[in-house]
Amino acid sequence: MDIFEIFEGILKDPRWLYLGAFIILFTTATMTVPITPRPTEMTYGFYNVVTSVNAGEVILGTTISMWPIWMEVLEMNLPSTYQYWWNKGVNIVFLTGGTTFNYELIWIAQTLGYPINIPLNQVPEYGTRFVIMDPGFMSAYVTSVNFRGTLSYDIYGTSFDNLPLVKNVKDGSSFKVYLGGALGGDWTIAFGRLGVKCIAAGCAGAITVAGTYYATGLYQGVLLGAKGGMEMDYLLGYTSGTKAFRAGTAFSAVALYALVCPLLFNLMNALSISSRKRGLSMRRE
C-alpha cells in the first residue's frame, strides 16, 4: 500500500475526518495560545464605552437568560467586562431570569468572586454595589417614567427602599450604560432616547441584527461570539487564560484543520495523477 492508497482510504471513510476534528478540539480546548486578534470597529466601540464608566457610576447589564443559544455570550464574552467594572468600583444592576434559570445566579457569583453556596443577597455588597432584578424591572422604563409603577422589589423580594443602589433611581437616565442583548428591541430604543450609552453582546449569528443596530447608532459597540470576547479581553490586557482565548485557540485550530485538509487532499491528488496517471477516488470498490 502506497501513500496515495492511504489517502484514498480516508476519503472512502470520512469518519476519519470527523475523528481528526474531534481530536483537535479535545486537545486544544484546554490550551491557551496568546493570539493577537484584530479587534473590529464594533469591539473598539464596546471597549470605549466600558472604559468610560467611572467608579461609583451605575450600569444596567443583562445576563441574557441561560438558553443554549446564548451560552457563548455569557461564557466567552461577558465575564471580563463585568470583572473589569467590578474591580474598578462600578456599581451593577443585573437583569436576569435567575428566578427561572438558576445557573445565572451561579454565573454572577463566580464572575464577581463570591462562593456559590451563599445566596447573593446575603453578601455585604448586595444592595450597595450590585443588585439583581427580574425582567419586569426593564419593562418599567418603556412604559413609565417612574419604574416603581411596574416593579418595586428585586428577585429576592426585597423592597427597593431597602436597596440603597436603586432606592433613589427614578428613571433609566440614572444608568451610565445599558449592556443588553444583540436583538435590541424596545429597551435599547428607550434607553438610547434617554441618553444612556447602549452596547450589546451576542452570539456569532447575531451579526445581522446587531450590525444594523450599530450602523444606525442605536448601539455604540457590539461583541459577537467568542471572537468578540477574545478581542475585548485583548483590549483589556488579558492575553491568555480567559475562556474566550481558550475558545479562540480551539476554533482557530479547527478552522486551520478545515483549510489544510482540502489543500492536502488536492495536493495528493495532483501528485497521484502525475505519478500514477490517475487521481484519488472516493468510490467504494
Protein backbone atom coordinates (compact mmCIF):
# COMPACT_ATOMS: atom_id res chain seq x y z
CA MET A 1 0.00 0.00 0.00
CA ASP A 2 1.46 3.35 -1.05
CA ILE A 3 0.67 6.77 0.46
CA PHE A 4 -1.94 7.51 -2.22
CA GLU A 5 -3.93 4.42 -1.26
CA ILE A 6 -3.89 5.62 2.38
CA PHE A 7 -5.46 8.91 1.34
CA GLU A 8 -8.00 7.06 -0.81
CA GLY A 9 -8.95 5.01 2.25
CA ILE A 10 -9.55 8.17 4.27
CA LEU A 11 -11.69 9.64 1.52
CA LYS A 12 -13.81 6.48 1.31
CA ASP A 13 -14.47 6.61 5.06
CA PRO A 14 -14.95 10.29 6.06
CA ARG A 15 -15.28 9.32 9.71
CA TRP A 16 -11.51 9.79 9.89
CA LEU A 17 -12.00 13.47 9.11
CA TYR A 18 -14.52 13.86 11.94
CA LEU A 19 -12.21 11.97 14.27
CA GLY A 20 -9.41 14.37 13.39
CA ALA A 21 -11.62 17.38 14.16
CA PHE A 22 -12.64 15.84 17.50
CA ILE A 23 -9.02 15.15 18.48
CA ILE A 24 -8.06 18.73 17.66
CA LEU A 25 -10.95 20.18 19.67
CA PHE A 26 -10.27 17.86 22.59
CA THR A 27 -6.57 18.68 22.76
CA THR A 28 -6.85 22.45 22.18
CA ALA A 29 -9.93 23.22 24.33
CA THR A 30 -7.76 23.45 27.45
CA MET A 31 -4.88 25.21 25.72
CA THR A 32 -4.31 28.94 25.61
CA VAL A 33 -2.26 30.42 22.82
CA PRO A 34 -1.51 34.16 23.09
CA ILE A 35 -3.14 35.01 19.77
CA THR A 36 -3.11 38.67 18.80
CA PRO A 37 -6.60 39.35 17.44
CA ARG A 38 -7.57 42.27 15.25
CA PRO A 39 -10.47 44.00 17.05
CA THR A 40 -13.29 45.17 14.84
CA GLU A 41 -14.70 48.68 14.93
CA MET A 42 -17.70 47.36 16.87
CA THR A 43 -15.39 45.84 19.51
CA TYR A 44 -13.46 49.09 19.84
CA GLY A 45 -16.77 50.89 20.36
CA PHE A 46 -17.73 48.40 23.06
CA TYR A 47 -14.36 48.82 24.77
CA ASN A 48 -14.53 52.63 24.68
CA VAL A 49 -17.96 52.64 26.34
CA VAL A 50 -16.93 50.12 29.01
CA THR A 51 -13.78 52.01 29.97
CA SER A 52 -15.62 55.35 30.06
CA VAL A 53 -17.62 54.31 33.16
CA ASN A 54 -16.16 55.65 36.40
CA ALA A 55 -16.18 54.24 39.93
CA GLY A 56 -19.47 54.88 41.69
CA GLU A 57 -21.50 55.13 38.49
CA VAL A 58 -24.24 52.59 37.79
CA ILE A 59 -24.69 50.36 34.77
CA LEU A 60 -27.58 48.04 33.91
CA GLY A 61 -26.34 44.76 32.48
CA THR A 62 -28.31 41.78 31.28
CA THR A 63 -27.09 38.22 31.66
CA ILE A 64 -29.18 37.11 28.67
CA SER A 65 -31.08 34.14 30.10
CA MET A 66 -29.19 30.87 30.06
CA TRP A 67 -30.67 29.37 26.92
CA PRO A 68 -28.27 27.23 24.87
CA ILE A 69 -28.19 29.82 22.06
CA TRP A 70 -26.69 32.40 24.44
CA MET A 71 -24.13 30.19 26.17
CA GLU A 72 -21.16 31.57 24.25
CA VAL A 73 -22.28 35.12 25.06
CA LEU A 74 -22.17 34.53 28.81
CA GLU A 75 -19.18 32.23 28.97
CA MET A 76 -16.97 33.76 26.28
CA ASN A 77 -17.92 37.44 26.04
CA LEU A 78 -19.06 38.97 29.29
CA PRO A 79 -17.03 37.76 32.31
CA SER A 80 -14.02 40.02 31.68
CA THR A 81 -16.26 43.05 31.09
CA TYR A 82 -18.17 42.65 34.34
CA GLN A 83 -14.98 41.85 36.25
CA TYR A 84 -13.34 44.98 34.87
CA TRP A 85 -16.30 47.12 36.01
CA TRP A 86 -16.46 45.39 39.39
CA ASN A 87 -12.74 45.84 40.11
CA LYS A 88 -12.95 49.49 39.02
CA GLY A 89 -15.68 50.21 41.57
CA VAL A 90 -18.57 50.49 39.12
CA ASN A 91 -21.98 49.55 40.54
CA ILE A 92 -24.02 46.98 38.64
CA VAL A 93 -27.72 46.28 38.36
CA PHE A 94 -28.00 42.80 36.86
CA LEU A 95 -31.07 41.98 34.82
CA THR A 96 -31.56 38.23 34.91
CA GLY A 97 -34.00 35.41 34.51
CA GLY A 98 -32.38 33.91 37.60
CA THR A 99 -35.71 33.05 39.17
CA THR A 100 -36.17 30.58 36.31
CA PHE A 101 -32.60 29.95 35.18
CA ASN A 102 -30.73 29.46 38.45
CA TYR A 103 -27.41 28.95 36.73
CA GLU A 104 -27.36 32.68 36.01
CA LEU A 105 -27.10 33.36 39.73
CA ILE A 106 -24.17 30.94 39.97
CA TRP A 107 -22.61 32.69 36.97
CA ILE A 108 -22.94 36.11 38.64
CA ALA A 109 -21.41 34.75 41.86
CA GLN A 110 -18.45 33.26 40.01
CA THR A 111 -17.97 36.41 37.92
CA LEU A 112 -17.88 38.67 40.99
CA GLY A 113 -15.77 36.23 43.00
CA TYR A 114 -18.32 35.00 45.55
CA PRO A 115 -18.76 31.38 46.70
CA ILE A 116 -21.71 29.74 45.01
CA ASN A 117 -23.08 28.21 48.21
CA ILE A 118 -24.01 31.58 49.74
CA PRO A 119 -27.13 33.40 48.45
CA LEU A 120 -26.02 36.61 46.74
CA ASN A 121 -28.43 38.76 48.73
CA GLN A 122 -26.50 37.75 51.87
CA VAL A 123 -23.10 39.09 50.78
CA PRO A 124 -22.10 42.51 52.25
CA GLU A 125 -22.02 44.35 48.90
CA TYR A 126 -25.51 43.32 47.87
CA GLY A 127 -27.82 46.31 47.70
CA THR A 128 -24.99 48.86 47.64
CA ARG A 129 -22.60 47.65 44.92
CA PHE A 130 -24.89 45.35 42.98
CA VAL A 131 -28.47 44.11 42.87
CA ILE A 132 -30.26 41.51 40.77
CA MET A 133 -33.55 42.33 39.08
CA ASP A 134 -36.29 40.45 37.33
CA PRO A 135 -37.01 41.32 33.64
CA GLY A 136 -40.11 43.21 34.84
CA PHE A 137 -37.67 45.87 36.00
CA MET A 138 -36.90 46.65 32.35
CA SER A 139 -40.48 46.93 31.17
CA ALA A 140 -41.00 49.85 33.50
CA TYR A 141 -38.59 52.04 31.57
CA VAL A 142 -40.54 51.54 28.40
CA THR A 143 -43.98 52.07 29.95
CA SER A 144 -43.40 54.50 32.81
CA VAL A 145 -41.09 57.32 33.85
CA ASN A 146 -41.27 56.09 37.43
CA PHE A 147 -40.20 52.44 37.38
CA ARG A 148 -41.90 51.74 40.70
CA GLY A 149 -45.17 51.88 38.83
CA THR A 150 -44.32 48.43 37.49
CA LEU A 151 -41.94 46.83 39.98
CA SER A 152 -40.70 47.69 43.47
CA TYR A 153 -38.59 44.71 44.58
CA ASP A 154 -35.62 42.60 43.45
CA ILE A 155 -35.67 38.88 42.59
CA TYR A 156 -35.38 38.03 46.30
CA GLY A 157 -38.48 40.06 47.14
CA THR A 158 -36.54 42.86 48.83
CA SER A 159 -38.13 46.30 48.53
CA PHE A 160 -36.20 49.00 46.67
CA ASP A 161 -36.46 51.05 49.88
CA ASN A 162 -34.02 48.58 51.45
CA LEU A 163 -31.64 48.59 48.47
CA PRO A 164 -29.62 51.83 48.52
CA LEU A 165 -28.31 51.26 44.99
CA VAL A 166 -31.76 51.61 43.42
CA LYS A 167 -33.73 53.36 46.17
CA ASN A 168 -33.43 56.79 44.57
CA VAL A 169 -33.43 55.73 40.92
CA LYS A 170 -36.28 57.49 39.13
CA ASP A 171 -35.84 56.51 35.51
CA GLY A 172 -33.47 54.91 33.03
CA SER A 173 -31.28 58.01 32.70
CA SER A 174 -29.80 57.13 36.11
CA PHE A 175 -27.68 54.46 34.36
CA LYS A 176 -24.45 55.31 32.58
CA VAL A 177 -24.56 52.25 30.31
CA TYR A 178 -27.06 49.62 29.28
CA LEU A 179 -25.40 46.32 28.31
CA GLY A 180 -28.04 44.33 26.51
CA GLY A 181 -28.54 41.55 24.01
CA ALA A 182 -27.85 41.66 20.31
CA LEU A 183 -31.55 41.66 19.41
CA GLY A 184 -32.03 45.09 20.98
CA GLY A 185 -35.71 45.96 20.72
CA ASP A 186 -37.75 48.48 22.68
CA TRP A 187 -35.34 48.55 25.63
CA THR A 188 -32.42 49.75 23.52
CA ILE A 189 -34.51 52.41 21.82
CA ALA A 190 -35.92 53.62 25.14
CA PHE A 191 -32.51 53.85 26.80
CA GLY A 192 -30.97 55.48 23.74
CA ARG A 193 -33.58 58.24 23.81
CA LEU A 194 -32.74 58.84 27.46
CA GLY A 195 -29.11 59.39 26.53
CA VAL A 196 -27.85 56.12 28.01
CA LYS A 197 -24.97 54.51 26.12
CA CYS A 198 -26.13 51.17 24.74
CA ILE A 199 -23.82 48.27 23.97
CA ALA A 200 -24.54 44.61 23.33
CA ALA A 201 -23.09 41.12 23.25
CA GLY A 202 -24.46 38.36 21.07
CA CYS A 203 -23.70 35.00 19.54
CA ALA A 204 -21.89 34.97 16.21
CA GLY A 205 -25.20 34.52 14.39
CA ALA A 206 -26.48 37.88 15.65
CA ILE A 207 -24.40 39.90 13.18
CA THR A 208 -27.39 40.84 11.01
CA VAL A 209 -29.42 42.49 13.76
CA ALA A 210 -26.55 43.71 15.93
CA GLY A 211 -24.65 45.10 12.95
CA THR A 212 -27.73 47.04 11.85
CA TYR A 213 -28.25 48.47 15.33
CA TYR A 214 -24.60 49.50 15.41
CA ALA A 215 -24.71 51.05 11.94
CA THR A 216 -27.76 53.13 12.83
CA GLY A 217 -26.23 54.33 16.10
CA LEU A 218 -28.57 52.53 18.48
CA TYR A 219 -25.57 50.57 19.75
CA GLN A 220 -22.23 52.23 20.41
CA GLY A 221 -20.46 48.87 20.44
CA VAL A 222 -21.08 45.15 19.96
CA LEU A 223 -19.23 41.94 20.84
CA LEU A 224 -20.01 38.98 18.61
CA GLY A 225 -19.33 35.39 19.55
CA ALA A 226 -16.14 34.03 21.07
CA LYS A 227 -14.15 36.17 18.64
CA GLY A 228 -15.67 39.34 20.08
CA GLY A 229 -14.91 38.15 23.60
CA MET A 230 -11.31 37.42 22.69
CA GLU A 231 -10.93 40.87 21.11
CA MET A 232 -12.36 42.55 24.22
CA ASP A 233 -10.11 40.52 26.52
CA TYR A 234 -7.12 41.55 24.42
CA LEU A 235 -8.05 45.25 24.66
CA LEU A 236 -8.43 44.91 28.44
CA GLY A 237 -4.92 43.48 28.63
CA TYR A 238 -5.76 39.78 29.01
CA THR A 239 -3.71 37.77 26.51
CA SER A 240 -4.20 34.30 27.93
CA GLY A 241 -6.20 32.26 30.39
CA THR A 242 -9.67 33.61 29.64
CA LYS A 243 -12.48 31.44 28.32
CA ALA A 244 -12.63 33.48 25.14
CA PHE A 245 -8.95 32.90 24.42
CA ARG A 246 -9.27 29.17 25.10
CA ALA A 247 -12.24 29.02 22.74
CA GLY A 248 -10.34 31.09 20.20
CA THR A 249 -7.47 28.62 20.29
CA ALA A 250 -9.79 25.65 19.69
CA PHE A 251 -11.84 27.39 16.97
CA SER A 252 -8.69 28.60 15.22
CA ALA A 253 -7.20 25.09 15.27
CA VAL A 254 -10.36 23.57 13.77
CA ALA A 255 -10.54 26.33 11.14
CA LEU A 256 -6.92 25.64 10.21
CA TYR A 257 -7.71 21.92 10.03
CA ALA A 258 -10.65 22.64 7.72
CA LEU A 259 -8.35 24.69 5.49
CA VAL A 260 -5.45 22.24 5.45
CA CYS A 261 -7.50 19.10 4.70
CA PRO A 262 -8.77 20.11 1.22
CA LEU A 263 -5.40 21.65 0.33
CA LEU A 264 -3.62 18.46 1.35
CA PHE A 265 -6.04 16.17 -0.50
CA ASN A 266 -5.85 18.33 -3.63
CA LEU A 267 -2.06 18.26 -3.45
CA MET A 268 -2.06 14.48 -3.05
CA ASN A 269 -4.50 14.20 -5.95
CA ALA A 270 -2.21 16.23 -8.19
CA LEU A 271 0.78 14.09 -7.19
CA SER A 272 -1.24 10.92 -7.74
CA ILE A 273 -2.18 11.98 -11.25
CA SER A 274 1.40 12.86 -12.13
CA SER A 275 2.87 9.64 -10.74
CA ARG A 276 0.09 7.06 -11.21
CA LYS A 277 -1.77 8.61 -14.14
CA ARG A 278 -4.98 8.60 -12.09
CA GLY A 279 -6.40 10.72 -9.33
CA LEU A 280 -7.58 9.79 -5.88
CA SER A 281 -11.04 8.28 -5.82
CA MET A 282 -13.87 8.32 -3.26
CA ARG A 283 -15.62 5.38 -4.95
CA ARG A 284 -16.05 2.26 -2.84
CA GLU A 285 -14.82 -0.87 -4.55
